[in-house]
Protein backbone atom coordinates (compact mmCIF):
# COMPACT_ATOMS: atom_id res chain seq x y z
CA MET A 1 -16.28 -43.75 24.11
CA THR A 2 -16.82 -44.16 27.74
CA GLY A 3 -16.95 -47.55 28.97
CA HIS A 4 -20.02 -49.05 30.96
CA ARG A 5 -21.12 -51.64 32.92
CA SER A 6 -24.40 -53.68 33.31
CA GLY A 7 -26.47 -53.28 36.74
CA ASN A 8 -27.71 -56.71 36.09
CA ARG A 9 -25.48 -59.70 36.96
CA LEU A 10 -25.64 -62.20 34.04
CA VAL A 11 -27.23 -64.95 35.82
CA ALA A 12 -27.09 -66.61 31.83
CA LEU A 13 -22.76 -66.83 32.43
CA ASP A 14 -24.07 -68.83 35.67
CA GLY A 15 -26.32 -70.72 33.91
CA LEU A 16 -23.51 -71.28 31.22
CA ARG A 17 -20.98 -72.02 34.02
CA LEU A 18 -23.24 -74.66 35.05
CA LEU A 19 -23.90 -76.54 32.36
CA ALA A 20 -19.99 -76.54 31.22
CA ALA A 21 -19.14 -78.00 34.63
CA LEU A 22 -22.28 -80.76 33.69
CA MET A 23 -20.80 -82.02 30.64
CA VAL A 24 -17.58 -82.59 32.68
CA VAL A 25 -19.39 -84.67 35.05
CA LEU A 26 -21.31 -86.65 32.30
CA TYR A 27 -17.77 -87.17 30.67
CA HIS A 28 -16.22 -88.77 33.69
CA TYR A 29 -18.72 -90.58 34.71
CA VAL A 30 -20.91 -92.21 31.35
CA ALA A 31 -18.17 -91.84 28.70
CA LEU A 32 -14.71 -93.12 30.92
CA ALA A 33 -14.41 -96.89 31.47
CA ARG A 34 -12.24 -96.22 34.89
CA PRO A 35 -15.18 -95.87 37.44
CA TRP A 36 -17.23 -99.50 35.74
CA GLY A 37 -14.17 -101.24 35.04
CA HIS A 38 -14.89 -101.73 31.48
CA SER A 39 -16.30 -99.88 28.39
CA THR A 40 -19.39 -97.96 29.06
CA ALA A 41 -20.60 -98.63 25.74
CA THR A 42 -22.82 -101.23 26.17
CA ILE A 43 -24.48 -100.17 29.63
CA PHE A 44 -25.25 -96.45 28.22
CA PRO A 45 -25.48 -97.31 24.47
CA THR A 46 -27.16 -93.45 24.11
CA ALA A 47 -25.74 -91.30 26.57
CA HIS A 48 -22.11 -92.63 25.58
CA ARG A 49 -22.00 -90.99 22.46
CA PHE A 50 -22.82 -87.60 24.18
CA ALA A 51 -20.68 -88.15 26.86
CA GLU A 52 -17.52 -88.38 24.76
CA TYR A 53 -17.21 -84.72 23.75
CA GLY A 54 -18.22 -83.79 27.44
CA TRP A 55 -14.16 -82.87 27.73
CA LEU A 56 -15.31 -80.09 26.25
CA GLY A 57 -16.94 -78.19 28.99
CA VAL A 58 -13.27 -77.37 30.03
CA GLU A 59 -12.89 -75.46 27.15
CA VAL A 60 -16.28 -73.51 27.80
CA PHE A 61 -14.96 -72.90 31.47
CA PHE A 62 -11.88 -71.03 29.69
CA LEU A 63 -13.76 -69.38 27.28
CA ILE A 64 -16.11 -67.94 30.18
CA SER A 65 -13.08 -67.22 31.84
CA GLY A 66 -11.45 -64.84 29.31
CA PHE A 67 -14.95 -62.87 29.65
CA VAL A 68 -15.46 -62.37 33.78
CA ILE A 69 -11.61 -62.08 34.71
CA CYS A 70 -10.94 -59.32 32.11
CA MET A 71 -14.53 -58.12 33.89
CA SER A 72 -13.10 -58.55 37.44
CA ALA A 73 -9.42 -56.84 36.54
CA TRP A 74 -10.95 -53.86 35.66
CA GLY A 75 -10.52 -51.12 37.58
CA ARG A 76 -8.16 -52.71 39.98
CA THR A 77 -5.02 -52.67 40.98
CA VAL A 78 -2.36 -56.01 40.97
CA GLY A 79 -3.21 -56.33 44.30
CA GLU A 80 -6.70 -56.11 44.51
CA PHE A 81 -7.28 -58.46 41.77
CA ALA A 82 -4.52 -61.33 43.63
CA VAL A 83 -7.33 -61.12 46.45
CA SER A 84 -9.78 -61.12 44.50
CA ARG A 85 -8.66 -64.26 42.58
CA LEU A 86 -7.23 -65.52 45.55
CA SER A 87 -9.83 -65.51 48.17
CA ARG A 88 -12.15 -66.86 45.41
CA LEU A 89 -9.55 -70.33 44.62
CA PHE A 90 -8.11 -71.48 47.29
CA PRO A 91 -11.02 -72.19 50.10
CA ALA A 92 -12.81 -74.24 47.96
CA TYR A 93 -9.71 -75.90 46.52
CA TRP A 94 -8.42 -76.72 49.64
CA ALA A 95 -11.36 -78.29 50.88
CA GLY A 96 -11.55 -80.44 47.78
CA ILE A 97 -8.10 -81.44 48.26
CA LEU A 98 -8.41 -83.11 51.59
CA LEU A 99 -12.01 -84.30 50.70
CA SER A 100 -10.91 -85.90 47.79
CA ALA A 101 -7.25 -87.25 49.38
CA THR A 102 -9.59 -89.01 52.54
CA VAL A 103 -11.97 -90.45 50.18
CA ILE A 104 -9.28 -91.83 48.00
CA THR A 105 -6.64 -92.89 50.75
CA MET A 106 -9.68 -94.84 52.61
CA TRP A 107 -10.79 -96.74 49.17
CA PRO A 108 -8.13 -96.61 46.66
CA GLU A 109 -10.70 -98.28 44.33
CA VAL A 110 -9.70 -95.82 41.00
CA ALA A 111 -7.13 -93.80 42.46
CA SER A 112 -4.57 -93.25 44.70
CA LEU A 113 -2.04 -90.92 46.40
CA HIS A 114 1.49 -90.98 45.57
CA GLY A 115 2.06 -90.09 49.21
CA TRP A 116 0.88 -87.24 51.34
CA GLY A 117 3.88 -85.08 50.24
CA GLY A 118 2.38 -84.31 47.52
CA VAL A 119 -0.84 -83.39 48.41
CA ILE A 120 0.61 -80.71 50.65
CA THR A 121 2.28 -79.27 47.75
CA ASN A 122 -0.94 -79.77 45.85
CA LEU A 123 -2.30 -77.10 48.47
CA THR A 124 0.12 -74.74 46.26
CA MET A 125 -1.75 -75.01 43.40
CA LEU A 126 1.65 -74.96 41.86
CA GLN A 127 2.22 -79.06 41.31
CA GLY A 128 1.73 -78.30 38.05
CA GLY A 129 4.97 -76.53 37.47
CA ASN A 130 7.36 -78.92 39.52
CA ASN A 131 6.17 -82.30 38.08
CA THR A 132 3.84 -82.81 40.95
CA PRO A 133 0.78 -85.59 40.52
CA ASP A 134 -2.44 -83.68 40.65
CA VAL A 135 -4.49 -85.54 44.04
CA ASP A 136 -7.22 -84.81 41.75
CA PRO A 137 -7.00 -84.90 37.70
CA VAL A 138 -9.01 -82.07 36.92
CA TYR A 139 -6.95 -79.91 39.01
CA TRP A 140 -4.71 -79.12 35.86
CA THR A 141 -6.72 -76.81 34.85
CA LEU A 142 -6.38 -74.63 37.51
CA PHE A 143 -2.65 -74.35 36.90
CA VAL A 144 -3.57 -73.13 33.25
CA GLU A 145 -5.97 -70.15 35.02
CA LEU A 146 -3.25 -69.31 37.24
CA LYS A 147 -0.94 -68.33 33.90
CA PHE A 148 -3.86 -66.75 32.75
CA TYR A 149 -4.16 -64.61 35.96
CA LEU A 150 -0.33 -63.76 35.40
CA ILE A 151 -0.57 -62.56 32.20
CA THR A 152 -3.71 -60.60 33.28
CA ALA A 153 -1.71 -59.26 36.69
CA VAL A 154 1.24 -57.87 33.46
CA VAL A 155 -1.71 -55.97 32.31
CA LEU A 156 -2.90 -54.57 35.11
CA LEU A 157 0.40 -52.88 35.40
CA PHE A 158 -0.02 -51.01 32.56
CA GLY A 159 -3.90 -50.02 33.57
CA VAL A 160 -6.66 -52.31 31.77
CA THR A 161 -8.07 -50.34 29.09
CA TYR A 162 -9.29 -50.72 25.89
CA ARG A 163 -6.05 -50.04 23.68
CA ASN A 164 -4.49 -52.61 26.11
CA CYS A 165 -6.69 -55.24 26.19
CA LEU A 166 -6.44 -54.79 22.56
CA ILE A 167 -2.68 -55.09 22.55
CA LEU A 168 -2.99 -58.37 24.83
CA CYS A 169 -5.23 -60.12 22.36
CA GLY A 170 -2.51 -59.18 19.66
CA VAL A 171 0.58 -60.60 21.11
CA TRP A 172 -1.41 -63.39 22.74
CA THR A 173 -2.65 -64.39 19.64
CA ALA A 174 0.54 -64.20 18.52
CA ALA A 175 3.16 -66.09 20.95
CA ALA A 176 0.03 -68.86 20.85
CA ALA A 177 0.50 -69.15 16.71
CA LEU A 178 4.53 -69.15 16.86
CA ALA A 179 5.01 -71.52 20.01
CA PRO A 180 4.39 -74.87 18.25
CA VAL A 181 6.97 -73.70 15.63
CA LEU A 182 9.46 -71.72 17.75
CA ASN A 183 9.73 -74.87 20.19
CA THR A 184 10.79 -72.93 22.98
CA PRO A 185 9.68 -74.25 26.10
CA LEU A 186 9.07 -71.07 28.40
CA LEU A 187 6.62 -69.60 25.69
CA THR A 188 4.89 -72.67 25.29
CA ALA A 189 4.28 -72.90 28.81
CA PHE A 190 2.66 -69.73 28.95
CA ALA A 191 1.13 -68.93 25.82
CA VAL A 192 -0.86 -72.11 26.29
CA PRO A 193 -1.79 -72.41 22.52
CA GLN A 194 -4.59 -75.53 22.87
CA TYR A 195 -6.45 -72.97 25.20
CA ALA A 196 -5.96 -69.66 24.10
CA PRO A 197 -8.56 -68.84 21.90
CA PHE A 198 -10.56 -69.64 23.70
CA PHE A 199 -9.32 -67.01 26.66
CA ILE A 200 -8.55 -64.10 24.19
CA ALA A 201 -11.75 -64.83 22.84
CA GLY A 202 -13.96 -64.07 25.54
CA ILE A 203 -11.44 -61.21 26.32
CA ALA A 204 -13.10 -59.67 22.66
CA PHE A 205 -16.30 -60.58 23.74
CA HIS A 206 -16.18 -58.64 27.45
CA LEU A 207 -14.68 -56.09 25.57
CA MET A 208 -18.60 -55.97 23.33
CA ARG A 209 -19.90 -55.58 26.42
CA ARG A 210 -18.31 -53.25 28.37
CA TYR A 211 -18.03 -50.91 25.32
CA ARG A 212 -20.22 -51.78 21.97
CA PRO A 213 -18.79 -54.55 19.11
CA ASN A 214 -17.21 -53.55 16.31
CA ALA A 215 -15.27 -55.30 13.24
CA VAL A 216 -12.11 -55.48 15.57
CA LEU A 217 -13.82 -57.30 18.19
CA TRP A 218 -15.56 -59.61 15.58
CA ALA A 219 -12.41 -60.09 13.79
CA ILE A 220 -10.56 -61.31 16.81
CA VAL A 221 -13.58 -63.79 18.01
CA ILE A 222 -13.35 -64.81 14.58
CA LEU A 223 -9.70 -65.59 14.14
CA GLN A 224 -9.82 -67.51 17.53
CA LEU A 225 -12.99 -69.72 16.37
CA LEU A 226 -10.87 -70.68 13.71
CA LEU A 227 -7.59 -71.46 15.82
CA ALA A 228 -10.01 -73.26 17.76
CA GLN A 229 -10.27 -75.98 15.55
CA ARG A 230 -6.35 -76.52 15.19
CA TYR A 231 -6.55 -78.81 18.61
CA ILE A 232 -9.70 -80.39 18.37
CA GLY A 233 -7.81 -83.73 17.40
CA TYR A 234 -5.31 -83.33 19.97
CA ARG A 235 -7.79 -82.98 22.52
CA MET A 236 -9.89 -85.85 21.45
CA ALA A 237 -7.18 -87.61 21.79
CA THR A 238 -5.83 -86.74 25.06
CA ASN A 239 -9.17 -87.21 26.19
CA LEU A 240 -10.35 -90.73 24.81
CA GLY A 241 -7.07 -92.30 23.73
CA ARG A 242 -6.09 -91.88 19.75
CA VAL A 243 -7.91 -94.78 19.21
CA THR A 244 -10.96 -94.33 19.77
CA ALA A 245 -10.34 -90.75 18.39
CA GLN A 246 -9.79 -91.55 15.37
CA ALA A 247 -12.74 -93.46 15.16
CA LEU A 248 -15.18 -90.72 16.55
CA PRO A 249 -16.22 -87.50 13.93
CA THR A 250 -14.80 -84.20 15.46
CA TRP A 251 -17.98 -82.14 13.97
CA PRO A 252 -19.79 -82.73 16.96
CA ALA A 253 -16.64 -81.39 18.58
CA ARG A 254 -16.43 -78.05 16.46
CA PHE A 255 -20.27 -77.38 16.51
CA LEU A 256 -20.35 -77.43 20.49
CA ILE A 257 -17.34 -74.97 20.60
CA LEU A 258 -19.32 -72.82 17.99
CA ALA A 259 -22.66 -72.88 20.30
CA ALA A 260 -20.04 -72.11 23.01
CA PHE A 261 -19.10 -69.07 21.40
CA ALA A 262 -22.54 -67.95 19.94
CA ALA A 263 -23.86 -68.35 23.83
CA ILE A 264 -21.56 -65.82 24.62
CA ALA A 265 -21.80 -63.74 22.24
CA ALA A 266 -25.70 -63.58 23.12
CA ILE A 267 -24.68 -63.05 26.54
CA ALA A 268 -21.95 -60.12 25.67
CA LEU A 269 -24.87 -58.07 23.37
CA GLY A 270 -27.37 -58.49 25.90
CA ALA A 271 -29.96 -60.79 24.34
CA LEU A 272 -29.71 -62.98 27.52
CA ASP A 273 -30.38 -60.11 29.71
CA ARG A 274 -33.53 -61.27 30.35
CA ILE A 275 -32.73 -64.13 32.04
CA GLN A 276 -32.62 -63.47 35.76
CA TRP A 277 -33.73 -66.96 37.21
CA LYS A 278 -32.85 -66.43 41.10
CA TRP A 279 -32.23 -70.55 41.34
CA LEU A 280 -29.12 -70.10 38.27
CA THR A 281 -27.31 -67.87 40.35
CA TYR A 282 -27.05 -69.99 43.55
CA ALA A 283 -26.27 -73.31 40.55
CA GLY A 284 -23.36 -71.13 39.60
CA ALA A 285 -22.10 -70.79 42.71
CA LEU A 286 -21.88 -74.69 42.66
CA THR A 287 -19.88 -74.77 39.44
CA TYR A 288 -16.40 -74.54 40.93
CA PRO A 289 -16.38 -76.77 44.34
CA LEU A 290 -18.63 -79.60 42.01
CA TYR A 291 -15.45 -79.43 39.78
CA LEU A 292 -13.14 -79.95 42.23
CA VAL A 293 -14.74 -83.08 44.27
CA HIS A 294 -16.64 -84.72 41.15
CA MET A 295 -14.13 -86.70 39.95
CA ASN A 296 -11.96 -88.83 41.90
CA ILE A 297 -14.72 -89.00 44.70
CA GLY A 298 -17.54 -89.70 42.38
CA MET A 299 -16.25 -92.25 40.49
CA THR A 300 -14.62 -94.06 43.45
CA LEU A 301 -18.54 -94.24 44.81
CA ILE A 302 -19.63 -95.13 41.27
CA HIS A 303 -16.76 -97.66 40.87
CA HIS A 304 -17.35 -99.29 44.54
CA TYR A 305 -21.46 -99.60 44.19
CA GLN A 306 -21.52 -100.56 40.35
CA GLY A 307 -23.89 -104.10 39.83
CA ARG A 308 -25.81 -103.23 42.87
CA ILE A 309 -27.28 -100.22 41.81
CA PRO A 310 -28.68 -100.08 38.42
CA ALA A 311 -25.86 -97.85 36.50
CA LEU A 312 -28.51 -94.81 35.58
CA VAL A 313 -29.72 -94.54 38.80
CA LEU A 314 -26.27 -94.74 40.15
CA VAL A 315 -24.50 -92.02 37.93
CA ILE A 316 -27.90 -89.48 38.93
CA SER A 317 -27.19 -90.61 42.53
CA VAL A 318 -23.64 -89.93 42.59
CA THR A 319 -24.22 -86.30 40.79
CA VAL A 320 -26.80 -85.43 43.13
CA LEU A 321 -24.27 -86.55 45.96
CA MET A 322 -21.84 -84.12 44.77
CA LEU A 323 -24.17 -81.21 43.75
CA ALA A 324 -25.08 -81.58 47.73
CA THR A 325 -20.99 -81.27 48.70
CA ALA A 326 -20.76 -78.56 46.77
CA TRP A 327 -23.29 -76.94 48.24
CA LEU A 328 -21.97 -77.63 51.76
CA ILE A 329 -18.04 -76.82 50.70
CA HIS A 330 -19.24 -73.27 49.03
CA ARG A 331 -21.58 -72.65 52.51
CA THR A 332 -19.81 -73.58 55.16
CA ILE A 333 -16.10 -73.23 54.00
CA GLU A 334 -16.28 -71.28 51.00
CA ARG A 335 -17.90 -68.51 51.56
CA PRO A 336 -16.80 -67.94 55.57
CA LEU A 337 -13.07 -68.61 54.85
CA GLY A 338 -13.42 -66.61 51.89
CA LYS A 339 -14.04 -63.74 53.60
CA TRP A 340 -11.39 -64.04 56.12
CA LEU A 341 -8.62 -64.55 53.68
CA ARG A 342 -10.27 -61.62 51.65
CA ASN A 343 -9.63 -59.24 55.22
CA VAL A 344 -6.58 -61.10 55.42
CA MET A 345 -4.99 -60.15 52.48
CA ARG A 346 -6.68 -56.90 52.09
CA SER A 347 -4.91 -55.86 55.77
CA GLY A 348 -0.94 -57.56 54.38
CA ILE A 349 -1.84 -54.95 51.31
CA ASP A 350 -2.04 -52.27 53.48
CA ASP A 351 1.01 -52.81 55.78
CA VAL A 352 3.13 -53.36 52.76
CA ARG A 353 1.94 -49.83 51.35
CA ARG A 354 2.09 -48.23 54.51
CA HIS A 355 5.92 -49.40 54.18
CA VAL A 356 6.94 -49.22 51.04
CA THR A 357 7.54 -45.61 50.59
CA PRO A 358 9.22 -43.53 47.51
CA LEU A 359 13.36 -43.12 48.92
CA PRO A 360 14.34 -39.13 49.05
CA PRO A 361 16.74 -38.14 46.09
CA THR A 362 20.79 -38.39 47.62
CA ARG A 363 22.29 -34.75 48.18
CA THR A 364 24.77 -35.44 45.57
CA ASP A 365 21.44 -35.91 43.56
CA LEU A 366 19.92 -32.29 44.73
CA THR A 367 23.28 -30.75 43.83
CA ASP A 368 23.01 -31.44 40.12
CA LEU A 369 19.47 -29.74 39.93
CA SER A 370 18.45 -26.51 39.23
CA GLU A 371 16.51 -24.31 42.32
CA PRO A 372 13.66 -24.65 41.05
CA ASP A 373 14.26 -28.46 40.03
CA VAL A 374 14.53 -28.65 43.82
CA ASP A 375 12.09 -27.41 44.58
CA HIS A 376 9.99 -29.76 42.91
CA VAL A 377 11.78 -33.19 44.02
CA ALA A 378 10.65 -31.60 47.74
CA ASP A 379 7.34 -31.65 46.57
CA SER A 380 7.32 -34.62 45.02
CA ILE A 381 8.68 -36.54 48.44
CA GLY A 382 6.32 -34.26 50.90
CA THR A 383 8.61 -32.59 52.22
């Protein structure tokens, strides 16, 4: 069956992306004690219970990423894919690093820098691979994303096709399932077993969208949904601490993961195509810069003004300020710098293509060929 593209932008996907970002913001501002100096259970007795599961916004991001990156890679070369992703990620990221580093240098109330050498390394986005601390703790997710991009680039070398995407889903599922048992650091690093189910399910959902749902794709999605349950306890302990995590029920986390899968399924099946609210497109554009700047900067502001401004007003005010900051980064840095970076990288890739040409066969090679074969070789190298 021939693949197809939807003519409409998936606005519902922008809305889900924004919702995931706000979940993470709520978790950092309302569930964590760090910006307040003590437990928030007494400050937000009701909201605190919901915010404790807001870290799941990261899992939702990875699910969306599997869908979007598969869509973005289709029909592109490795170079085109690299230009698309790097020009999208780095401008807002650089702005977020420099802004966060400046704020926590001036007001080291909830975080501090480990030297400006670390900030310079952070500019590469590769700090997760060489034990350099993140300028902002949320940046760890970007290194996970880069691994997914590298995996996608390998698939691009063979061609992004229906068949190859299914092979990727199968191989990655096996690698993620075996990694904890084999205890091979390299395999574990790239299989990312805790998050692989979300990326893989996102790929399967995109295949449903591009072609049509079938038993094979639903089997992949259901398998990933089941595998995702394995690491809920681990993720709760990582984000909330082992003692707190053991005291909390896991069913809200399981329900939120199921709800995220259901939402992406509805998008993949076209059930939400009627949602074309323009404001969601703009809001979706703010999601990435909001995610980059909200944590250390927002926590610093909350810590600085807590006790002087009512808690609810403070959280809302800081969230609005972070949204405004994200809009400024998007308009003044991300868009213009992203466009410039795209053009520069495309020019560089074109230059490489012009200078990388096949080497002609040697005279020895030609003498070993029959006359028709020599003609064929000459034709192939344009002589």
